[in-house]
């Protein structure tokens, strides 16, 4: 039973931190793409903008930033705790 709990619930090695690094890079590119698309949308449709579209764009940017930031924070915590 101890081998089972150690295998499935024990601490991971430092190599497991690569998961968070990959997602940090991925979400950084998603954030940059989102910023680019939002700026492009504003320039193309500036006459049709209303409050609902503006709030949707801000929330999309916030969501993309939070996904990037959380994975960056988790990667930092993982790598520093296993150093």
PDB file of N, CA and C in Angstrom:
ATOM      1  N   UNK A   1       0.825  -1.199   0.000  1.00  0.00           N
ATOM      2  CA  UNK A   1       0.000   0.000   0.000  1.00  0.00           C
ATOM      3  C   UNK A   1       0.864   1.256   0.000  1.00  0.00           C
ATOM      4  N   UNK A   2       1.968   1.236   0.694  1.00  0.00           N
ATOM      5  CA  UNK A   2       2.848   2.393   0.756  1.00  0.00           C
ATOM      6  C   UNK A   2       3.434   2.691  -0.621  1.00  0.00           C
ATOM      7  N   UNK A   3       3.758   1.648  -1.394  1.00  0.00           N
ATOM      8  CA  UNK A   3       4.278   1.859  -2.739  1.00  0.00           C
ATOM      9  C   UNK A   3       3.228   2.515  -3.626  1.00  0.00           C
ATOM     10  N   UNK A   4       1.977   2.128  -3.466  1.00  0.00           N
ATOM     11  CA  UNK A   4       0.880   2.723  -4.223  1.00  0.00           C
ATOM     12  C   UNK A   4       0.743   4.210  -3.909  1.00  0.00           C
ATOM     13  N   UNK A   5       0.727   4.566  -2.640  1.00  0.00           N
ATOM     14  CA  UNK A   5       0.560   5.970  -2.266  1.00  0.00           C
ATOM     15  C   UNK A   5       1.772   6.806  -2.662  1.00  0.00           C
ATOM     16  N   UNK A   6       2.950   6.222  -2.571  1.00  0.00           N
ATOM     17  CA  UNK A   6       4.154   6.954  -2.980  1.00  0.00           C
ATOM     18  C   UNK A   6       4.149   7.190  -4.479  1.00  0.00           C
ATOM     19  N   UNK A   7       3.731   6.207  -5.230  1.00  0.00           N
ATOM     20  CA  UNK A   7       3.734   6.329  -6.687  1.00  0.00           C
ATOM     21  C   UNK A   7       2.704   7.340  -7.182  1.00  0.00           C
ATOM     22  N   UNK A   8       1.500   7.321  -6.625  1.00  0.00           N
ATOM     23  CA  UNK A   8       0.434   8.167  -7.150  1.00  0.00           C
ATOM     24  C   UNK A   8       0.216   9.465  -6.376  1.00  0.00           C
ATOM     25  N   UNK A   9       0.690   9.566  -5.158  1.00  0.00           N
ATOM     26  CA  UNK A   9       0.437  10.758  -4.365  1.00  0.00           C
ATOM     27  C   UNK A   9       1.707  11.380  -3.792  1.00  0.00           C
ATOM     28  N   UNK A  10       2.854  10.819  -4.090  1.00  0.00           N
ATOM     29  CA  UNK A  10       4.116  11.343  -3.584  1.00  0.00           C
ATOM     30  C   UNK A  10       4.584  12.550  -4.379  1.00  0.00           C
ATOM     31  N   UNK A  11       5.641  13.182  -3.934  1.00  0.00           N
ATOM     32  CA  UNK A  11       6.157  14.357  -4.649  1.00  0.00           C
ATOM     33  C   UNK A  11       6.708  13.989  -6.023  1.00  0.00           C
ATOM     34  N   UNK A  12       6.599  14.938  -6.918  1.00  0.00           N
ATOM     35  CA  UNK A  12       7.099  14.752  -8.272  1.00  0.00           C
ATOM     36  C   UNK A  12       8.536  15.225  -8.368  1.00  0.00           C
ATOM     37  N   UNK A  13       9.188  14.845  -9.428  1.00  0.00           N
ATOM     38  CA  UNK A  13      10.563  15.289  -9.657  1.00  0.00           C
ATOM     39  C   UNK A  13      10.550  16.670 -10.325  1.00  0.00           C
ATOM     40  N   UNK A  14      11.726  17.247 -10.457  1.00  0.00           N
ATOM     41  CA  UNK A  14      11.829  18.578 -11.059  1.00  0.00           C
ATOM     42  C   UNK A  14      11.427  18.562 -12.535  1.00  0.00           C
ATOM     43  N   UNK A  15      11.541  17.422 -13.173  1.00  0.00           N
ATOM     44  CA  UNK A  15      11.163  17.325 -14.588  1.00  0.00           C
ATOM     45  C   UNK A  15       9.669  17.574 -14.797  1.00  0.00           C
ATOM     46  N   UNK A  16       8.876  17.368 -13.770  1.00  0.00           N
ATOM     47  CA  UNK A  16       7.438  17.610 -13.885  1.00  0.00           C
ATOM     48  C   UNK A  16       7.127  19.093 -14.025  1.00  0.00           C
ATOM     49  N   UNK A  17       8.065  19.961 -13.662  1.00  0.00           N
ATOM     50  CA  UNK A  17       7.861  21.406 -13.795  1.00  0.00           C
ATOM     51  C   UNK A  17       7.808  21.842 -15.256  1.00  0.00           C
ATOM     52  N   UNK A  18       8.300  21.018 -16.151  1.00  0.00           N
ATOM     53  CA  UNK A  18       8.282  21.345 -17.576  1.00  0.00           C
ATOM     54  C   UNK A  18       6.837  21.529 -18.064  1.00  0.00           C
ATOM     55  N   UNK A  19       5.910  20.821 -17.469  1.00  0.00           N
ATOM     56  CA  UNK A  19       4.486  20.960 -17.808  1.00  0.00           C
ATOM     57  C   UNK A  19       4.057  22.420 -17.673  1.00  0.00           C
ATOM     58  N   UNK A  20       4.410  23.043 -16.554  1.00  0.00           N
ATOM     59  CA  UNK A  20       4.013  24.430 -16.331  1.00  0.00           C
ATOM     60  C   UNK A  20       4.769  25.376 -17.258  1.00  0.00           C
ATOM     61  N   UNK A  21       6.000  25.068 -17.581  1.00  0.00           N
ATOM     62  CA  UNK A  21       6.766  25.919 -18.487  1.00  0.00           C
ATOM     63  C   UNK A  21       6.169  25.887 -19.891  1.00  0.00           C
ATOM     64  N   UNK A  22       5.765  24.706 -20.339  1.00  0.00           N
ATOM     65  CA  UNK A  22       5.148  24.585 -21.662  1.00  0.00           C
ATOM     66  C   UNK A  22       3.858  25.389 -21.729  1.00  0.00           C
ATOM     67  N   UNK A  23       3.035  25.284 -20.691  1.00  0.00           N
ATOM     68  CA  UNK A  23       1.784  26.031 -20.684  1.00  0.00           C
ATOM     69  C   UNK A  23       2.014  27.529 -20.506  1.00  0.00           C
ATOM     70  N   UNK A  24       3.081  27.925 -19.819  1.00  0.00           N
ATOM     71  CA  UNK A  24       3.415  29.342 -19.717  1.00  0.00           C
ATOM     72  C   UNK A  24       3.733  29.912 -21.086  1.00  0.00           C
ATOM     73  N   UNK A  25       4.542  29.217 -21.850  1.00  0.00           N
ATOM     74  CA  UNK A  25       4.898  29.676 -23.200  1.00  0.00           C
ATOM     75  C   UNK A  25       3.661  29.681 -24.093  1.00  0.00           C
ATOM     76  N   UNK A  26       2.865  28.632 -24.015  1.00  0.00           N
ATOM     77  CA  UNK A  26       1.648  28.550 -24.826  1.00  0.00           C
ATOM     78  C   UNK A  26       0.698  29.711 -24.524  1.00  0.00           C
ATOM     79  N   UNK A  27       0.443  29.962 -23.248  1.00  0.00           N
ATOM     80  CA  UNK A  27      -0.484  31.036 -22.896  1.00  0.00           C
ATOM     81  C   UNK A  27       0.099  32.415 -23.149  1.00  0.00           C
ATOM     82  N   UNK A  28       1.428  32.545 -23.168  1.00  0.00           N
ATOM     83  CA  UNK A  28       2.023  33.821 -23.562  1.00  0.00           C
ATOM     84  C   UNK A  28       1.701  34.113 -25.021  1.00  0.00           C
ATOM     85  N   UNK A  29       1.836  33.104 -25.881  1.00  0.00           N
ATOM     86  CA  UNK A  29       1.497  33.301 -27.289  1.00  0.00           C
ATOM     87  C   UNK A  29       0.005  33.554 -27.472  1.00  0.00           C
ATOM     88  N   UNK A  30      -0.826  32.901 -26.676  1.00  0.00           N
ATOM     89  CA  UNK A  30      -2.272  33.166 -26.729  1.00  0.00           C
ATOM     90  C   UNK A  30      -2.554  34.608 -26.323  1.00  0.00           C
ATOM     91  N   UNK A  31      -1.872  35.087 -25.282  1.00  0.00           N
ATOM     92  CA  UNK A  31      -2.050  36.470 -24.841  1.00  0.00           C
ATOM     93  C   UNK A  31      -1.621  37.451 -25.921  1.00  0.00           C
ATOM     94  N   UNK A  32      -0.477  37.219 -26.537  1.00  0.00           N
ATOM     95  CA  UNK A  32      -0.006  38.109 -27.596  1.00  0.00           C
ATOM     96  C   UNK A  32      -0.959  38.094 -28.800  1.00  0.00           C
ATOM     97  N   UNK A  33      -1.445  36.912 -29.151  1.00  0.00           N
ATOM     98  CA  UNK A  33      -2.401  36.799 -30.253  1.00  0.00           C
ATOM     99  C   UNK A  33      -3.704  37.528 -29.919  1.00  0.00           C
ATOM    100  N   UNK A  34      -4.163  37.401 -28.687  1.00  0.00           N
ATOM    101  CA  UNK A  34      -5.391  38.065 -28.263  1.00  0.00           C
ATOM    102  C   UNK A  34      -5.235  39.580 -28.322  1.00  0.00           C
ATOM    103  N   UNK A  35      -4.099  40.090 -27.859  1.00  0.00           N
ATOM    104  CA  UNK A  35      -3.851  41.531 -27.930  1.00  0.00           C
ATOM    105  C   UNK A  35      -3.841  41.996 -29.384  1.00  0.00           C
ATOM    106  N   UNK A  36      -3.173  41.253 -30.240  1.00  0.00           N
ATOM    107  CA  UNK A  36      -3.117  41.607 -31.660  1.00  0.00           C
ATOM    108  C   UNK A  36      -4.509  41.615 -32.289  1.00  0.00           C
ATOM    109  N   UNK A  37      -5.299  40.591 -32.018  1.00  0.00           N
ATOM    110  CA  UNK A  37      -6.635  40.497 -32.600  1.00  0.00           C
ATOM    111  C   UNK A  37      -7.546  41.602 -32.073  1.00  0.00           C
ATOM    112  N   UNK A  38      -7.447  41.916 -30.787  1.00  0.00           N
ATOM    113  CA  UNK A  38      -8.275  42.976 -30.220  1.00  0.00           C
ATOM    114  C   UNK A  38      -7.927  44.333 -30.828  1.00  0.00           C
ATOM    115  N   UNK A  39      -6.648  44.619 -30.994  1.00  0.00           N
ATOM    116  CA  UNK A  39      -6.240  45.889 -31.609  1.00  0.00           C
ATOM    117  C   UNK A  39      -6.709  45.952 -33.058  1.00  0.00           C
ATOM    118  N   UNK A  40      -6.544  44.859 -33.768  1.00  0.00           N
ATOM    119  CA  UNK A  40      -7.013  44.798 -35.157  1.00  0.00           C
ATOM    120  C   UNK A  40      -8.525  44.988 -35.234  1.00  0.00           C
ATOM    121  N   UNK A  41      -9.257  44.363 -34.326  1.00  0.00           N
ATOM    122  CA  UNK A  41     -10.721  44.499 -34.313  1.00  0.00           C
ATOM    123  C   UNK A  41     -11.135  45.940 -34.035  1.00  0.00           C
ATOM    124  N   UNK A  42     -10.437  46.594 -33.111  1.00  0.00           N
ATOM    125  CA  UNK A  42     -10.779  47.985 -32.792  1.00  0.00           C
ATOM    126  C   UNK A  42     -10.544  48.886 -34.000  1.00  0.00           C
ATOM    127  N   UNK A  43      -9.422  48.698 -34.703  1.00  0.00           N
ATOM    128  CA  UNK A  43      -9.139  49.541 -35.864  1.00  0.00           C
ATOM    129  C   UNK A  43     -10.103  49.281 -37.020  1.00  0.00           C
ATOM    130  N   UNK A  44     -10.533  48.044 -37.186  1.00  0.00           N
ATOM    131  CA  UNK A  44     -11.439  47.734 -38.297  1.00  0.00           C
ATOM    132  C   UNK A  44     -12.888  48.102 -38.002  1.00  0.00           C
ATOM    133  N   UNK A  45     -13.294  48.043 -36.734  1.00  0.00           N
ATOM    134  CA  UNK A  45     -14.706  48.234 -36.381  1.00  0.00           C
ATOM    135  C   UNK A  45     -14.911  49.339 -35.349  1.00  0.00           C
ATOM    136  N   UNK A  46     -14.125  50.387 -35.408  1.00  0.00           N
ATOM    137  CA  UNK A  46     -14.230  51.412 -34.381  1.00  0.00           C
ATOM    138  C   UNK A  46     -15.568  52.149 -34.406  1.00  0.00           C
ATOM    139  N   UNK A  47     -16.266  52.148 -35.530  1.00  0.00           N
ATOM    140  CA  UNK A  47     -17.564  52.834 -35.592  1.00  0.00           C
ATOM    141  C   UNK A  47     -18.680  51.993 -34.974  1.00  0.00           C
ATOM    142  N   UNK A  48     -18.506  50.671 -34.908  1.00  0.00           N
ATOM    143  CA  UNK A  48     -19.549  49.784 -34.388  1.00  0.00           C
ATOM    144  C   UNK A  48     -19.343  49.398 -32.927  1.00  0.00           C
ATOM    145  N   UNK A  49     -18.319  49.929 -32.293  1.00  0.00           N
ATOM    146  CA  UNK A  49     -18.024  49.527 -30.918  1.00  0.00           C
ATOM    147  C   UNK A  49     -19.100  50.018 -29.965  1.00  0.00           C
ATOM    148  N   UNK A  50     -19.478  49.158 -29.044  1.00  0.00           N
ATOM    149  CA  UNK A  50     -20.377  49.549 -27.971  1.00  0.00           C
ATOM    150  C   UNK A  50     -19.827  48.988 -26.658  1.00  0.00           C
ATOM    151  N   UNK A  51     -20.518  49.253 -25.584  1.00  0.00           N
ATOM    152  CA  UNK A  51     -20.019  48.872 -24.267  1.00  0.00           C
ATOM    153  C   UNK A  51     -19.896  47.360 -24.128  1.00  0.00           C
ATOM    154  N   UNK A  52     -20.829  46.615 -24.664  1.00  0.00           N
ATOM    155  CA  UNK A  52     -20.811  45.151 -24.556  1.00  0.00           C
ATOM    156  C   UNK A  52     -19.608  44.543 -25.274  1.00  0.00           C
ATOM    157  N   UNK A  53     -19.306  45.035 -26.451  1.00  0.00           N
ATOM    158  CA  UNK A  53     -18.146  44.548 -27.190  1.00  0.00           C
ATOM    159  C   UNK A  53     -16.861  44.922 -26.465  1.00  0.00           C
ATOM    160  N   UNK A  54     -16.817  46.139 -25.915  1.00  0.00           N
ATOM    161  CA  UNK A  54     -15.639  46.584 -25.175  1.00  0.00           C
ATOM    162  C   UNK A  54     -15.403  45.717 -23.943  1.00  0.00           C
ATOM    163  N   UNK A  55     -16.447  45.452 -23.184  1.00  0.00           N
ATOM    164  CA  UNK A  55     -16.314  44.626 -21.980  1.00  0.00           C
ATOM    165  C   UNK A  55     -15.905  43.198 -22.348  1.00  0.00           C
ATOM    166  N   UNK A  56     -16.447  42.668 -23.417  1.00  0.00           N
ATOM    167  CA  UNK A  56     -16.063  41.322 -23.868  1.00  0.00           C
ATOM    168  C   UNK A  56     -14.586  41.261 -24.215  1.00  0.00           C
ATOM    169  N   UNK A  57     -14.083  42.274 -24.888  1.00  0.00           N
ATOM    170  CA  UNK A  57     -12.670  42.313 -25.233  1.00  0.00           C
ATOM    171  C   UNK A  57     -11.779  42.424 -24.011  1.00  0.00           C
ATOM    172  N   UNK A  58     -12.169  43.251 -23.060  1.00  0.00           N
ATOM    173  CA  UNK A  58     -11.390  43.399 -21.835  1.00  0.00           C
ATOM    174  C   UNK A  58     -11.377  42.096 -21.046  1.00  0.00           C
ATOM    175  N   UNK A  59     -12.520  41.439 -20.951  1.00  0.00           N
ATOM    176  CA  UNK A  59     -12.588  40.165 -20.226  1.00  0.00           C
ATOM    177  C   UNK A  59     -11.775  39.080 -20.921  1.00  0.00           C
ATOM    178  N   UNK A  60     -11.761  39.080 -22.232  1.00  0.00           N
ATOM    179  CA  UNK A  60     -10.948  38.123 -22.976  1.00  0.00           C
ATOM    180  C   UNK A  60      -9.459  38.356 -22.719  1.00  0.00           C
ATOM    181  N   UNK A  61      -9.052  39.609 -22.721  1.00  0.00           N
ATOM    182  CA  UNK A  61      -7.657  39.928 -22.413  1.00  0.00           C
ATOM    183  C   UNK A  61      -7.304  39.548 -20.975  1.00  0.00           C
ATOM    184  N   UNK A  62      -8.204  39.833 -20.050  1.00  0.00           N
ATOM    185  CA  UNK A  62      -7.962  39.504 -18.646  1.00  0.00           C
ATOM    186  C   UNK A  62      -7.848  37.994 -18.463  1.00  0.00           C
ATOM    187  N   UNK A  63      -8.713  37.246 -19.106  1.00  0.00           N
ATOM    188  CA  UNK A  63      -8.696  35.788 -19.002  1.00  0.00           C
ATOM    189  C   UNK A  63      -7.401  35.217 -19.582  1.00  0.00           C
ATOM    190  N   UNK A  64      -6.964  35.734 -20.713  1.00  0.00           N
ATOM    191  CA  UNK A  64      -5.717  35.271 -21.315  1.00  0.00           C
ATOM    192  C   UNK A  64      -4.522  35.607 -20.429  1.00  0.00           C
ATOM    193  N   UNK A  65      -4.529  36.810 -19.846  1.00  0.00           N
ATOM    194  CA  UNK A  65      -3.441  37.196 -18.966  1.00  0.00           C
ATOM    195  C   UNK A  65      -3.409  36.327 -17.712  1.00  0.00           C
ATOM    196  N   UNK A  66      -4.565  36.041 -17.144  1.00  0.00           N
ATOM    197  CA  UNK A  66      -4.609  35.225 -15.921  1.00  0.00           C
ATOM    198  C   UNK A  66      -4.127  33.798 -16.191  1.00  0.00           C
ATOM    199  N   UNK A  67      -4.465  33.243 -17.332  1.00  0.00           N
ATOM    200  CA  UNK A  67      -3.988  31.900 -17.672  1.00  0.00           C
ATOM    201  C   UNK A  67      -2.468  31.893 -17.790  1.00  0.00           C
ATOM    202  N   UNK A  68      -1.917  32.918 -18.423  1.00  0.00           N
ATOM    203  CA  UNK A  68      -0.454  33.036 -18.531  1.00  0.00           C
ATOM    204  C   UNK A  68       0.178  33.218 -17.153  1.00  0.00           C
ATOM    205  N   UNK A  69      -0.371  34.134 -16.360  1.00  0.00           N
ATOM    206  CA  UNK A  69       0.224  34.465 -15.068  1.00  0.00           C
ATOM    207  C   UNK A  69       0.168  33.289 -14.095  1.00  0.00           C
ATOM    208  N   UNK A  70      -0.948  32.589 -14.052  1.00  0.00           N
ATOM    209  CA  UNK A  70      -1.084  31.456 -13.129  1.00  0.00           C
ATOM    210  C   UNK A  70      -0.092  30.354 -13.486  1.00  0.00           C
ATOM    211  N   UNK A  71       0.053  30.044 -14.750  1.00  0.00           N
ATOM    212  CA  UNK A  71       1.019  29.011 -15.128  1.00  0.00           C
ATOM    213  C   UNK A  71       2.449  29.462 -14.892  1.00  0.00           C
ATOM    214  N   UNK A  72       2.732  30.741 -15.083  1.00  0.00           N
ATOM    215  CA  UNK A  72       4.074  31.241 -14.782  1.00  0.00           C
ATOM    216  C   UNK A  72       4.350  31.163 -13.287  1.00  0.00           C
ATOM    217  N   UNK A  73       3.367  31.516 -12.491  1.00  0.00           N
ATOM    218  CA  UNK A  73       3.508  31.433 -11.038  1.00  0.00           C
ATOM    219  C   UNK A  73       3.694  29.990 -10.582  1.00  0.00           C
ATOM    220  N   UNK A  74       2.925  29.071 -11.129  1.00  0.00           N
ATOM    221  CA  UNK A  74       3.056  27.660 -10.767  1.00  0.00           C
ATOM    222  C   UNK A  74       4.405  27.091 -11.195  1.00  0.00           C
ATOM    223  N   UNK A  75       4.895  27.505 -12.352  1.00  0.00           N
ATOM    224  CA  UNK A  75       6.220  27.053 -12.781  1.00  0.00           C
ATOM    225  C   UNK A  75       7.298  27.561 -11.827  1.00  0.00           C
ATOM    226  N   UNK A  76       7.196  28.813 -11.440  1.00  0.00           N
ATOM    227  CA  UNK A  76       8.170  29.389 -10.514  1.00  0.00           C
ATOM    228  C   UNK A  76       8.137  28.664  -9.178  1.00  0.00           C
ATOM    229  N   UNK A  77       6.943  28.429  -8.661  1.00  0.00           N
ATOM    230  CA  UNK A  77       6.825  27.721  -7.382  1.00  0.00           C
ATOM    231  C   UNK A  77       7.366  26.300  -7.478  1.00  0.00           C
ATOM    232  N   UNK A  78       7.081  25.637  -8.586  1.00  0.00           N
ATOM    233  CA  UNK A  78       7.533  24.264  -8.772  1.00  0.00           C
ATOM    234  C   UNK A  78       9.059  24.202  -8.858  1.00  0.00           C
ATOM    235  N   UNK A  79       9.637  25.062  -9.666  1.00  0.00           N
ATOM    236  CA  UNK A  79      11.088  25.011  -9.854  1.00  0.00           C
ATOM    237  C   UNK A  79      11.840  25.461  -8.602  1.00  0.00           C
ATOM    238  N   UNK A  80      11.312  26.422  -7.875  1.00  0.00           N
ATOM    239  CA  UNK A  80      12.000  26.903  -6.660  1.00  0.00           C
ATOM    240  C   UNK A  80      11.865  25.902  -5.506  1.00  0.00           C
ATOM    241  N   UNK A  81      10.757  25.217  -5.443  1.00  0.00           N
ATOM    242  CA  UNK A  81      10.561  24.278  -4.329  1.00  0.00           C
ATOM    243  C   UNK A  81      11.359  22.990  -4.519  1.00  0.00           C
ATOM    244  N   UNK A  82      11.705  22.657  -5.749  1.00  0.00           N
ATOM    245  CA  UNK A  82      12.444  21.433  -6.024  1.00  0.00           C
ATOM    246  C   UNK A  82      13.919  21.695  -6.334  1.00  0.00           C
ATOM    247  N   UNK A  83      14.379  22.917  -6.105  1.00  0.00           N
ATOM    248  CA  UNK A  83      15.771  23.282  -6.418  1.00  0.00           C
ATOM    249  C   UNK A  83      16.767  22.572  -5.506  1.00  0.00           C
TER     250      UNK A  83
END
